Amino acid sequence: MPNNHGDKDYEVGYGKPPVATQFKKGQSGNPKGRPKGTKNLATDIREEVSQQLSINEGGSHQVISKQRALVKALVAKALSGDVRAMLEMIKLISGIEQTEKIISAESDQQHSNEADREILEAYLQDYLANKPSS
């Protein structure tokens, strides 16, 4: 079905809306969306937990990040027998160990690839240097 704008080559159908209802060039499809420069939740949380906090621990004054204070509080609850805190600590530790294993495996693979490349380059140089003339 041709559109009613005189363009008979343009077929209106699935994925081909009428020209009059298409987004105009330079116009956002979501004009009331998140304003530029607004931070997302992850950024807000990262900034908040990285802020410094003064605490008294064992009679000494320390300045630590809020993230560190949260970890200290969770560990203290777990050590006091709070089962939920214990489970949360186990999940966190397990996640950290998994991440470290993945990073280590990727690093090992990268070192392996570099060693393979060095062997191939040495072979190629040796081959080119000792190439029989034909």
N, C-alpha and C. Protein backbone atom coordinates (compact mmCIF):
# COMPACT_ATOMS: atom_id res chain seq x y z
N MET A 1 0.85 -1.18 0.00
CA MET A 1 0.00 0.00 0.00
C MET A 1 0.89 1.24 0.00
N PRO A 2 0.84 2.06 -1.02
CA PRO A 2 1.66 3.26 -1.05
C PRO A 2 1.16 4.28 -0.04
N ASN A 3 2.10 5.10 0.47
CA ASN A 3 1.69 6.12 1.44
C ASN A 3 0.98 7.26 0.70
N ASN A 4 0.40 8.16 1.44
CA ASN A 4 -0.37 9.24 0.82
C ASN A 4 0.43 10.53 0.71
N HIS A 5 1.78 10.40 0.57
CA HIS A 5 2.63 11.58 0.41
C HIS A 5 3.17 11.67 -1.00
N GLY A 6 2.60 10.93 -1.91
CA GLY A 6 3.02 11.01 -3.29
C GLY A 6 4.23 10.14 -3.62
N ASP A 7 4.88 9.50 -2.61
CA ASP A 7 6.03 8.65 -2.85
C ASP A 7 5.54 7.23 -3.08
N LYS A 8 5.41 6.83 -4.32
CA LYS A 8 4.83 5.54 -4.63
C LYS A 8 5.82 4.39 -4.45
N ASP A 9 7.14 4.70 -4.28
CA ASP A 9 8.14 3.66 -4.09
C ASP A 9 8.18 3.16 -2.64
N TYR A 10 7.64 3.91 -1.72
CA TYR A 10 7.73 3.56 -0.30
C TYR A 10 6.51 2.74 0.11
N GLU A 11 6.76 1.52 0.53
CA GLU A 11 5.68 0.63 0.99
C GLU A 11 5.53 0.78 2.50
N VAL A 12 4.32 1.01 2.96
CA VAL A 12 4.03 1.07 4.39
C VAL A 12 3.69 -0.33 4.84
N GLY A 13 4.25 -0.77 5.96
CA GLY A 13 3.98 -2.11 6.48
C GLY A 13 4.80 -2.35 7.73
N TYR A 14 5.00 -3.64 8.08
CA TYR A 14 5.74 -3.99 9.29
C TYR A 14 7.15 -3.43 9.20
N GLY A 15 7.55 -2.64 10.18
CA GLY A 15 8.88 -2.03 10.22
C GLY A 15 9.03 -0.85 9.28
N LYS A 16 7.96 -0.46 8.61
CA LYS A 16 7.99 0.67 7.68
C LYS A 16 6.81 1.58 7.97
N PRO A 17 6.93 2.42 9.00
CA PRO A 17 5.81 3.28 9.36
C PRO A 17 5.60 4.40 8.34
N PRO A 18 4.42 4.96 8.31
CA PRO A 18 4.19 6.08 7.41
C PRO A 18 5.18 7.21 7.68
N VAL A 19 5.59 7.89 6.65
CA VAL A 19 6.61 8.95 6.76
C VAL A 19 6.19 10.00 7.79
N ALA A 20 4.91 10.33 7.84
CA ALA A 20 4.43 11.38 8.75
C ALA A 20 4.62 11.02 10.22
N THR A 21 4.68 9.71 10.54
CA THR A 21 4.80 9.31 11.94
C THR A 21 6.22 8.91 12.33
N GLN A 22 7.15 8.96 11.39
CA GLN A 22 8.54 8.61 11.69
C GLN A 22 9.20 9.71 12.51
N PHE A 23 10.24 9.32 13.29
CA PHE A 23 10.98 10.31 14.05
C PHE A 23 11.67 11.26 13.09
N LYS A 24 11.66 12.52 13.42
CA LYS A 24 12.32 13.53 12.60
C LYS A 24 13.81 13.48 12.90
N LYS A 25 14.64 13.80 11.92
CA LYS A 25 16.09 13.78 12.08
C LYS A 25 16.50 14.74 13.20
N GLY A 26 17.29 14.24 14.14
CA GLY A 26 17.76 15.06 15.25
C GLY A 26 16.77 15.16 16.40
N GLN A 27 15.62 14.49 16.30
CA GLN A 27 14.61 14.55 17.35
C GLN A 27 14.63 13.23 18.11
N SER A 28 14.68 13.29 19.41
CA SER A 28 14.72 12.10 20.23
C SER A 28 13.39 11.38 20.24
N GLY A 29 13.46 10.06 20.30
CA GLY A 29 12.24 9.26 20.44
C GLY A 29 11.75 9.25 21.86
N ASN A 30 12.58 9.72 22.78
CA ASN A 30 12.20 9.76 24.19
C ASN A 30 12.63 11.13 24.74
N PRO A 31 11.91 12.20 24.37
CA PRO A 31 12.34 13.54 24.76
C PRO A 31 12.35 13.79 26.26
N LYS A 32 11.58 13.04 27.03
CA LYS A 32 11.56 13.24 28.48
C LYS A 32 12.43 12.21 29.19
N GLY A 33 13.36 11.60 28.44
CA GLY A 33 14.26 10.59 29.02
C GLY A 33 15.24 11.21 29.99
N ARG A 34 16.19 10.39 30.45
CA ARG A 34 17.18 10.85 31.41
C ARG A 34 17.97 12.02 30.84
N PRO A 35 18.00 13.15 31.54
CA PRO A 35 18.75 14.32 31.05
C PRO A 35 20.24 14.02 30.96
N LYS A 36 20.93 14.65 30.05
CA LYS A 36 22.37 14.47 29.90
C LYS A 36 23.06 14.87 31.20
N GLY A 37 24.07 14.12 31.54
CA GLY A 37 24.85 14.45 32.73
C GLY A 37 24.30 13.82 34.01
N THR A 38 23.11 13.23 33.96
CA THR A 38 22.56 12.57 35.14
C THR A 38 23.26 11.23 35.31
N LYS A 39 23.59 10.90 36.52
CA LYS A 39 24.33 9.67 36.78
C LYS A 39 23.35 8.51 36.98
N ASN A 40 23.81 7.31 36.63
CA ASN A 40 22.98 6.14 36.85
C ASN A 40 23.20 5.61 38.27
N LEU A 41 22.43 4.62 38.66
CA LEU A 41 22.48 4.10 40.02
C LEU A 41 23.86 3.56 40.39
N ALA A 42 24.48 2.83 39.46
CA ALA A 42 25.80 2.26 39.76
C ALA A 42 26.82 3.35 40.07
N THR A 43 26.79 4.43 39.31
CA THR A 43 27.72 5.54 39.53
C THR A 43 27.44 6.20 40.88
N ASP A 44 26.17 6.43 41.19
CA ASP A 44 25.82 7.03 42.49
C ASP A 44 26.30 6.16 43.65
N ILE A 45 26.09 4.85 43.54
CA ILE A 45 26.51 3.95 44.62
C ILE A 45 28.03 3.95 44.74
N ARG A 46 28.73 3.85 43.60
CA ARG A 46 30.19 3.85 43.61
C ARG A 46 30.73 5.11 44.28
N GLU A 47 30.16 6.26 43.94
CA GLU A 47 30.62 7.52 44.54
C GLU A 47 30.32 7.57 46.03
N GLU A 48 29.14 7.11 46.41
CA GLU A 48 28.73 7.17 47.82
C GLU A 48 29.61 6.28 48.69
N VAL A 49 29.86 5.03 48.27
CA VAL A 49 30.63 4.12 49.11
C VAL A 49 32.12 4.43 49.09
N SER A 50 32.57 5.27 48.14
CA SER A 50 33.99 5.62 48.12
C SER A 50 34.29 6.82 49.02
N GLN A 51 33.25 7.49 49.53
CA GLN A 51 33.47 8.62 50.42
C GLN A 51 34.08 8.15 51.74
N GLN A 52 34.86 9.03 52.35
CA GLN A 52 35.56 8.70 53.59
C GLN A 52 34.67 8.89 54.82
N LEU A 53 34.98 8.13 55.85
CA LEU A 53 34.20 8.13 57.08
C LEU A 53 35.17 8.00 58.24
N SER A 54 34.94 8.74 59.33
CA SER A 54 35.79 8.63 60.52
C SER A 54 35.16 7.65 61.48
N ILE A 55 35.96 6.70 61.98
CA ILE A 55 35.46 5.73 62.96
C ILE A 55 36.48 5.58 64.09
N ASN A 56 35.97 5.11 65.23
CA ASN A 56 36.83 4.74 66.35
C ASN A 56 36.78 3.23 66.46
N GLU A 57 37.92 2.58 66.30
CA GLU A 57 37.96 1.12 66.38
C GLU A 57 39.10 0.72 67.30
N GLY A 58 38.76 0.01 68.33
CA GLY A 58 39.77 -0.44 69.27
C GLY A 58 40.51 0.71 69.94
N GLY A 59 39.81 1.83 70.15
CA GLY A 59 40.41 2.98 70.82
C GLY A 59 41.24 3.87 69.91
N SER A 60 41.33 3.51 68.63
CA SER A 60 42.10 4.37 67.72
C SER A 60 41.17 4.97 66.66
N HIS A 61 41.50 6.18 66.27
CA HIS A 61 40.72 6.91 65.27
C HIS A 61 41.22 6.53 63.89
N GLN A 62 40.29 6.14 62.99
CA GLN A 62 40.66 5.77 61.63
C GLN A 62 39.75 6.47 60.64
N VAL A 63 40.26 6.73 59.46
CA VAL A 63 39.46 7.25 58.36
C VAL A 63 39.45 6.17 57.29
N ILE A 64 38.25 5.65 57.01
CA ILE A 64 38.11 4.58 56.02
C ILE A 64 36.96 4.93 55.08
N SER A 65 36.85 4.21 53.97
CA SER A 65 35.75 4.44 53.05
C SER A 65 34.47 3.83 53.63
N LYS A 66 33.34 4.32 53.15
CA LYS A 66 32.07 3.76 53.59
C LYS A 66 31.96 2.29 53.16
N GLN A 67 32.55 1.97 52.02
CA GLN A 67 32.54 0.58 51.56
C GLN A 67 33.26 -0.31 52.57
N ARG A 68 34.42 0.15 53.03
CA ARG A 68 35.18 -0.61 54.02
C ARG A 68 34.39 -0.75 55.33
N ALA A 69 33.69 0.32 55.71
CA ALA A 69 32.87 0.28 56.94
C ALA A 69 31.74 -0.74 56.79
N LEU A 70 31.14 -0.81 55.61
CA LEU A 70 30.08 -1.80 55.37
C LEU A 70 30.63 -3.22 55.48
N VAL A 71 31.81 -3.43 54.91
CA VAL A 71 32.42 -4.76 54.98
C VAL A 71 32.73 -5.12 56.43
N LYS A 72 33.29 -4.17 57.18
CA LYS A 72 33.60 -4.41 58.59
C LYS A 72 32.33 -4.76 59.38
N ALA A 73 31.24 -4.04 59.10
CA ALA A 73 29.99 -4.30 59.81
C ALA A 73 29.45 -5.68 59.46
N LEU A 74 29.51 -6.04 58.19
CA LEU A 74 29.02 -7.36 57.76
C LEU A 74 29.84 -8.48 58.37
N VAL A 75 31.16 -8.33 58.38
CA VAL A 75 32.04 -9.34 58.98
C VAL A 75 31.75 -9.45 60.48
N ALA A 76 31.58 -8.32 61.16
CA ALA A 76 31.30 -8.35 62.61
C ALA A 76 29.99 -9.08 62.89
N LYS A 77 28.95 -8.82 62.07
CA LYS A 77 27.66 -9.51 62.25
C LYS A 77 27.82 -11.01 62.03
N ALA A 78 28.57 -11.36 60.97
CA ALA A 78 28.77 -12.78 60.67
C ALA A 78 29.50 -13.47 61.81
N LEU A 79 30.52 -12.82 62.34
CA LEU A 79 31.30 -13.41 63.43
C LEU A 79 30.50 -13.50 64.73
N SER A 80 29.49 -12.65 64.87
CA SER A 80 28.67 -12.70 66.08
C SER A 80 27.60 -13.78 66.00
N GLY A 81 27.52 -14.48 64.86
CA GLY A 81 26.58 -15.59 64.74
C GLY A 81 25.37 -15.32 63.87
N ASP A 82 25.29 -14.18 63.22
CA ASP A 82 24.17 -13.86 62.34
C ASP A 82 24.28 -14.72 61.07
N VAL A 83 23.35 -15.67 60.93
CA VAL A 83 23.41 -16.63 59.83
C VAL A 83 23.27 -15.94 58.47
N ARG A 84 22.39 -14.96 58.37
CA ARG A 84 22.23 -14.26 57.09
C ARG A 84 23.51 -13.54 56.69
N ALA A 85 24.17 -12.92 57.65
CA ALA A 85 25.43 -12.24 57.38
C ALA A 85 26.50 -13.26 56.97
N MET A 86 26.49 -14.42 57.61
CA MET A 86 27.45 -15.47 57.25
C MET A 86 27.23 -15.91 55.80
N LEU A 87 25.98 -16.14 55.43
CA LEU A 87 25.66 -16.57 54.06
C LEU A 87 26.06 -15.49 53.05
N GLU A 88 25.81 -14.25 53.40
CA GLU A 88 26.17 -13.16 52.49
C GLU A 88 27.68 -13.07 52.32
N MET A 89 28.43 -13.26 53.40
CA MET A 89 29.89 -13.25 53.32
C MET A 89 30.38 -14.41 52.45
N ILE A 90 29.78 -15.58 52.62
CA ILE A 90 30.18 -16.74 51.81
C ILE A 90 29.92 -16.46 50.33
N LYS A 91 28.77 -15.84 50.01
CA LYS A 91 28.47 -15.50 48.62
C LYS A 91 29.48 -14.50 48.08
N LEU A 92 29.79 -13.48 48.87
CA LEU A 92 30.75 -12.47 48.42
C LEU A 92 32.14 -13.08 48.19
N ILE A 93 32.60 -13.89 49.13
CA ILE A 93 33.91 -14.53 49.00
C ILE A 93 33.95 -15.44 47.78
N SER A 94 32.89 -16.21 47.60
CA SER A 94 32.81 -17.12 46.46
C SER A 94 32.85 -16.34 45.14
N GLY A 95 32.11 -15.25 45.08
CA GLY A 95 32.10 -14.41 43.87
C GLY A 95 33.47 -13.83 43.57
N ILE A 96 34.16 -13.39 44.62
CA ILE A 96 35.50 -12.83 44.45
C ILE A 96 36.46 -13.91 43.94
N GLU A 97 36.37 -15.11 44.52
CA GLU A 97 37.24 -16.20 44.09
C GLU A 97 36.97 -16.57 42.63
N GLN A 98 35.70 -16.61 42.22
CA GLN A 98 35.35 -16.92 40.83
C GLN A 98 35.93 -15.86 39.90
N THR A 99 35.78 -14.60 40.27
CA THR A 99 36.31 -13.51 39.45
C THR A 99 37.83 -13.62 39.32
N GLU A 100 38.49 -13.92 40.42
CA GLU A 100 39.95 -14.06 40.40
C GLU A 100 40.38 -15.22 39.52
N LYS A 101 39.62 -16.34 39.55
CA LYS A 101 39.93 -17.49 38.70
C LYS A 101 39.80 -17.11 37.23
N ILE A 102 38.74 -16.39 36.90
CA ILE A 102 38.52 -15.98 35.50
C ILE A 102 39.64 -15.07 35.05
N ILE A 103 39.99 -14.10 35.88
CA ILE A 103 41.07 -13.16 35.53
C ILE A 103 42.38 -13.90 35.37
N SER A 104 42.65 -14.85 36.27
CA SER A 104 43.88 -15.63 36.21
C SER A 104 43.92 -16.47 34.93
N ALA A 105 42.79 -17.09 34.58
CA ALA A 105 42.73 -17.91 33.37
C ALA A 105 42.95 -17.06 32.13
N GLU A 106 42.35 -15.88 32.10
CA GLU A 106 42.53 -14.97 30.97
C GLU A 106 43.98 -14.52 30.87
N SER A 107 44.60 -14.25 32.01
CA SER A 107 45.99 -13.83 32.04
C SER A 107 46.90 -14.96 31.55
N ASP A 108 46.63 -16.20 32.02
CA ASP A 108 47.41 -17.36 31.59
C ASP A 108 47.28 -17.55 30.08
N GLN A 109 46.06 -17.39 29.56
CA GLN A 109 45.82 -17.54 28.12
C GLN A 109 46.59 -16.48 27.35
N GLN A 110 46.59 -15.26 27.87
CA GLN A 110 47.30 -14.17 27.20
C GLN A 110 48.80 -14.45 27.17
N HIS A 111 49.36 -14.95 28.30
CA HIS A 111 50.78 -15.27 28.35
C HIS A 111 51.10 -16.41 27.40
N SER A 112 50.19 -17.39 27.33
CA SER A 112 50.36 -18.51 26.42
C SER A 112 50.36 -18.03 24.97
N ASN A 113 49.44 -17.13 24.64
CA ASN A 113 49.39 -16.59 23.28
C ASN A 113 50.66 -15.82 22.94
N GLU A 114 51.18 -15.05 23.90
CA GLU A 114 52.41 -14.30 23.68
C GLU A 114 53.59 -15.24 23.46
N ALA A 115 53.66 -16.32 24.25
CA ALA A 115 54.74 -17.30 24.09
C ALA A 115 54.63 -17.98 22.73
N ASP A 116 53.43 -18.34 22.32
CA ASP A 116 53.22 -18.96 21.00
C ASP A 116 53.66 -18.01 19.89
N ARG A 117 53.30 -16.74 20.03
CA ARG A 117 53.66 -15.74 19.02
C ARG A 117 55.19 -15.61 18.93
N GLU A 118 55.86 -15.60 20.08
CA GLU A 118 57.32 -15.49 20.08
C GLU A 118 57.96 -16.69 19.38
N ILE A 119 57.43 -17.89 19.63
CA ILE A 119 57.96 -19.10 18.99
C ILE A 119 57.77 -19.02 17.48
N LEU A 120 56.57 -18.61 17.05
CA LEU A 120 56.29 -18.50 15.62
C LEU A 120 57.16 -17.44 14.95
N GLU A 121 57.36 -16.31 15.62
CA GLU A 121 58.22 -15.27 15.06
C GLU A 121 59.66 -15.75 14.94
N ALA A 122 60.14 -16.45 15.96
CA ALA A 122 61.52 -16.97 15.92
C ALA A 122 61.65 -17.98 14.78
N TYR A 123 60.65 -18.84 14.61
CA TYR A 123 60.67 -19.83 13.53
C TYR A 123 60.67 -19.13 12.18
N LEU A 124 59.82 -18.12 12.03
CA LEU A 124 59.73 -17.40 10.76
C LEU A 124 61.05 -16.71 10.44
N GLN A 125 61.66 -16.07 11.43
CA GLN A 125 62.95 -15.40 11.20
C GLN A 125 64.02 -16.42 10.81
N ASP A 126 64.04 -17.56 11.51
CA ASP A 126 65.00 -18.62 11.20
C ASP A 126 64.77 -19.16 9.81
N TYR A 127 63.50 -19.37 9.46
CA TYR A 127 63.15 -19.88 8.13
C TYR A 127 63.58 -18.91 7.05
N LEU A 128 63.28 -17.61 7.24
CA LEU A 128 63.64 -16.62 6.24
C LEU A 128 65.15 -16.47 6.10
N ALA A 129 65.87 -16.60 7.23
CA ALA A 129 67.32 -16.47 7.20
C ALA A 129 67.96 -17.67 6.50
N ASN A 130 67.39 -18.84 6.64
CA ASN A 130 67.96 -20.06 6.09
C ASN A 130 67.16 -20.60 4.92
N LYS A 131 66.36 -19.75 4.30
CA LYS A 131 65.48 -20.16 3.21
C LYS A 131 66.31 -20.65 2.02
N PRO A 132 66.00 -21.85 1.59
CA PRO A 132 66.74 -22.34 0.43
C PRO A 132 66.37 -21.53 -0.81
N SER A 133 67.34 -21.22 -1.62
CA SER A 133 67.05 -20.45 -2.83
C SER A 133 66.45 -21.38 -3.88
N SER A 134 65.44 -20.88 -4.60
CA SER A 134 64.81 -21.73 -5.60
C SER A 134 65.06 -21.24 -6.98
